[in-house]
Protein backbone atom coordinates (compact mmCIF):
# COMPACT_ATOMS: atom_id res chain seq x y z
CA UNK A 1 -10.38 13.82 33.73
CA UNK A 2 -13.18 16.19 32.60
CA UNK A 3 -12.30 18.47 29.68
CA UNK A 4 -13.32 22.13 29.96
CA UNK A 5 -13.11 24.51 27.02
CA UNK A 6 -12.69 28.03 28.40
CA UNK A 7 -14.12 29.66 25.27
CA UNK A 8 -17.54 30.42 23.85
CA UNK A 9 -16.19 30.27 20.28
CA UNK A 10 -18.16 27.79 18.17
CA UNK A 11 -15.14 27.63 15.84
CA UNK A 12 -12.90 26.30 18.62
CA UNK A 13 -15.49 23.69 19.55
CA UNK A 14 -15.74 22.63 15.88
CA UNK A 15 -11.95 22.49 15.52
CA UNK A 16 -11.65 20.28 18.61
CA UNK A 17 -14.26 17.95 17.08
CA UNK A 18 -11.95 17.54 14.06
CA UNK A 19 -9.46 15.77 16.33
CA UNK A 20 -12.13 13.77 18.11
CA UNK A 21 -12.63 15.92 21.20
CA UNK A 22 -15.99 16.98 22.59
CA UNK A 23 -15.62 19.14 25.71
CA UNK A 24 -17.44 17.95 28.82
CA UNK A 25 -18.17 21.58 29.59
CA UNK A 26 -17.83 25.00 27.98
CA UNK A 27 -17.05 27.76 30.47
CA UNK A 28 -15.81 30.96 28.84
CA UNK A 29 -13.56 33.11 30.97
CA UNK A 30 -14.72 36.70 31.38
CA UNK A 31 -11.51 38.72 31.62
CA UNK A 32 -10.30 42.18 30.65
CA UNK A 33 -8.89 41.80 27.14
CA UNK A 34 -7.36 45.26 26.88
CA UNK A 35 -3.83 45.17 25.45
CA UNK A 36 -1.16 46.73 27.65
CA UNK A 37 0.69 49.79 26.39
CA UNK A 38 3.39 48.71 23.95
CA UNK A 39 2.45 45.02 24.24
CA UNK A 40 3.53 43.02 21.20
CA UNK A 41 0.82 40.98 19.45
CA UNK A 42 2.37 37.57 20.16
CA UNK A 43 2.92 38.44 23.83
CA UNK A 44 -0.66 39.68 24.08
CA UNK A 45 -2.07 36.46 22.53
CA UNK A 46 -0.06 34.29 24.92
CA UNK A 47 -1.09 36.39 27.93
CA UNK A 48 -4.77 36.24 26.97
CA UNK A 49 -4.77 32.44 26.58
CA UNK A 50 -2.99 32.01 29.92
CA UNK A 51 -5.29 34.44 31.75
CA UNK A 52 -8.43 32.80 30.32
CA UNK A 53 -7.26 29.36 31.46
CA UNK A 54 -6.26 30.67 34.88
CA UNK A 55 -9.68 32.33 35.32
CA UNK A 56 -11.56 29.12 34.50
CA UNK A 57 -9.35 26.65 36.43
CA UNK A 58 -10.54 27.46 40.00
CA UNK A 59 -14.13 26.74 38.96
CA UNK A 60 -13.21 23.20 37.81
CA UNK A 61 -10.82 21.46 40.23
CA UNK A 62 -9.50 18.19 38.83
CA UNK A 63 -10.41 19.09 35.24
CA UNK A 64 -8.29 19.74 32.19
CA UNK A 65 -8.74 23.34 31.07
CA UNK A 66 -8.04 24.55 27.53
CA UNK A 67 -8.08 28.24 26.59
CA UNK A 68 -6.94 30.01 23.45
CA UNK A 69 -6.63 33.44 21.92
CA UNK A 70 -6.11 34.51 18.32
CA UNK A 71 -4.67 37.88 17.33
CA UNK A 72 -4.36 39.37 13.86
CA UNK A 73 -1.38 41.71 13.65
CA UNK A 74 -0.32 44.24 11.04
CA UNK A 75 3.29 44.83 12.02
CA UNK A 76 3.29 45.62 15.75
CA UNK A 77 -0.36 46.68 15.65
CA UNK A 78 -3.00 44.42 17.22
CA UNK A 79 -6.12 44.56 15.08
CA UNK A 80 -9.44 44.53 16.95
CA UNK A 81 -12.24 42.01 16.87
CA UNK A 82 -14.44 44.04 14.55
CA UNK A 83 -17.59 45.14 16.34
CA UNK A 84 -18.94 47.46 13.65
CA UNK A 85 -18.65 47.96 9.89
CA UNK A 86 -16.26 50.90 10.23
CA UNK A 87 -13.78 48.81 12.27
CA UNK A 88 -14.06 45.95 9.80
CA UNK A 89 -13.61 48.27 6.80
CA UNK A 90 -10.51 49.80 8.41
CA UNK A 91 -9.00 46.35 9.12
CA UNK A 92 -9.67 45.06 5.60
CA UNK A 93 -8.24 48.20 3.99
CA UNK A 94 -5.15 47.86 6.16
CA UNK A 95 -4.69 44.16 5.25
CA UNK A 96 -5.39 44.66 1.54
CA UNK A 97 -2.45 43.56 -0.59
CA UNK A 98 -0.14 43.06 2.35
CA UNK A 99 1.28 40.36 4.54
CA UNK A 100 0.13 40.05 8.14
CA UNK A 101 0.61 37.61 11.00
CA UNK A 102 -1.95 35.67 12.96
CA UNK A 103 -0.81 34.60 16.43
CA UNK A 104 -2.86 31.83 18.03
CA UNK A 105 -1.93 30.93 21.59
CA UNK A 106 -3.12 27.90 23.53
CA UNK A 107 -2.88 27.21 27.26
CA UNK A 108 -3.72 23.92 28.94
CA UNK A 109 -3.94 23.49 32.71
CA UNK A 110 -4.05 19.86 33.87
CA UNK A 111 -5.75 18.36 36.93
CA UNK A 112 -2.63 19.00 39.07
CA UNK A 113 -2.49 22.67 38.05
CA UNK A 114 0.47 22.36 35.67
CA UNK A 115 0.26 24.96 32.90
CA UNK A 116 1.46 24.28 29.36
CA UNK A 117 1.63 26.92 26.63
CA UNK A 118 2.14 26.94 22.85
CA UNK A 119 2.01 29.72 20.28
CA UNK A 120 1.41 29.32 16.56
CA UNK A 121 2.29 32.14 14.18
CA UNK A 122 0.92 32.07 10.65
CA UNK A 123 1.79 34.47 7.85
CA UNK A 124 -1.14 35.40 5.60
CA UNK A 125 -1.05 37.59 2.50
CA UNK A 126 -4.23 38.99 0.97
CA UNK A 127 -4.55 40.06 -2.63
CA UNK A 128 -5.28 43.74 -3.14
CA UNK A 129 -8.92 44.39 -2.29
CA UNK A 130 -11.04 46.95 -4.09
CA UNK A 131 -13.96 48.93 -2.66
CA UNK A 132 -16.46 46.43 -4.13
CA UNK A 133 -14.67 43.48 -2.47
CA UNK A 134 -14.80 45.17 0.91
CA UNK A 135 -18.42 46.33 0.50
CA UNK A 136 -19.59 42.82 -0.45
CA UNK A 137 -17.72 41.30 2.47
CA UNK A 138 -19.19 43.80 4.92
CA UNK A 139 -22.65 43.00 3.59
CA UNK A 140 -22.05 39.29 4.24
CA UNK A 141 -21.70 39.92 7.98
CA UNK A 142 -18.87 37.36 8.32
CA UNK A 143 -16.61 40.01 9.81
CA UNK A 144 -18.68 40.46 12.99
CA UNK A 145 -16.63 39.76 16.10
CA UNK A 146 -13.69 38.40 14.08
CA UNK A 147 -10.11 39.38 14.84
CA UNK A 148 -8.87 41.57 12.01
CA UNK A 149 -12.38 41.82 10.59
CA UNK A 150 -12.34 38.57 8.61
CA UNK A 151 -13.03 34.85 8.82
CA UNK A 152 -10.53 32.80 6.81
CA UNK A 153 -12.90 29.83 6.84
CA UNK A 154 -15.45 31.89 4.90
CA UNK A 155 -15.45 34.18 1.90
CA UNK A 156 -12.16 35.83 2.86
CA UNK A 157 -10.31 32.60 2.08
CA UNK A 158 -10.62 33.49 -1.62
CA UNK A 159 -8.42 36.55 -0.95
CA UNK A 160 -5.49 34.56 0.42
CA UNK A 161 -2.55 34.66 -2.01
CA UNK A 162 -0.14 33.06 0.45
CA UNK A 163 -0.35 31.28 3.78
CA UNK A 164 2.55 29.84 5.76
CA UNK A 165 1.68 28.16 9.02
CA UNK A 166 -1.50 26.80 10.58
CA UNK A 167 -4.80 27.32 8.77
CA UNK A 168 -6.65 26.08 11.88
CA UNK A 169 -4.64 28.61 13.92
CA UNK A 170 -6.02 31.43 11.78
CA UNK A 171 -9.54 30.03 12.29
CA UNK A 172 -8.94 30.13 16.06
CA UNK A 173 -7.20 27.01 17.39
CA UNK A 174 -3.93 25.57 16.02
CA UNK A 175 -4.65 21.84 16.06
CA UNK A 176 -1.03 20.61 15.89
CA UNK A 177 -0.04 22.64 18.96
CA UNK A 178 -3.31 21.82 20.75
CA UNK A 179 -2.87 18.09 20.27
CA UNK A 180 0.73 18.26 21.51
CA UNK A 181 -0.32 20.14 24.66
CA UNK A 182 -3.17 17.75 25.41
CA UNK A 183 -0.98 14.68 24.98
CA UNK A 184 1.70 16.23 27.21
CA UNK A 185 -1.00 16.72 29.86
CA UNK A 186 -1.95 13.03 29.65
CA UNK A 187 -5.21 13.55 27.77
CA UNK A 188 -5.93 10.88 25.17
CA UNK A 189 -6.57 12.40 21.74
CA UNK A 190 -8.41 10.10 19.30
C-alpha cells in the first residue's frame, strides 16, 4: 500500500524517518485554513488534519494517506503561523512566562477509505522572555511560518521550563499517536 504524506512540512517528513517511514509520495493538501468563529484550538487542529487527508485521498486511490496539523494555543486563542516579525514578536510576548498548549492532530485514511484520528495535547511553559531574547530570536529567522512563532526543535527549546506531553507533537507530528494510527490501518512500522 503506497504511503502518501499530505504535508509539505520537512519536519513531518524527518519525524516519520525517525520511526523508519519514508513516504512514497508527498502531496500537500491546499485547503482553506481559516478558523471558524468561536472554534476551539483542539477542534480546529482535528478538523484541519481531517480536511487535509480528505483533500488528498481522492488523488491517491488505494494509498494510505497521513495528514497532520499543529496548533499553538494561548487559552482559547489560536496563535497564527507567524508570517512576519510583528506576528512572531506578538506571539512570543504572549507566551513569555506562561503556560500554553500545543494540539497536534493526525488523520490517517487507509486504502478502503476508513478514517482514523488522534489528537495529542502538550503543555509547554516558557521562562519569562526579555526584549533581547525576543530580538535575538527574531533575527535567527527560526520563527518564520511556525505556529506560535517558535520552533521547539531550535533555539526556543532553551526557553522551555516545563513540558508535559509529546515533544514530537510540538515539533509537528506526535510519533506515539502516529504509530498507533498506522498500525491500526495495517501499515507495518519498522
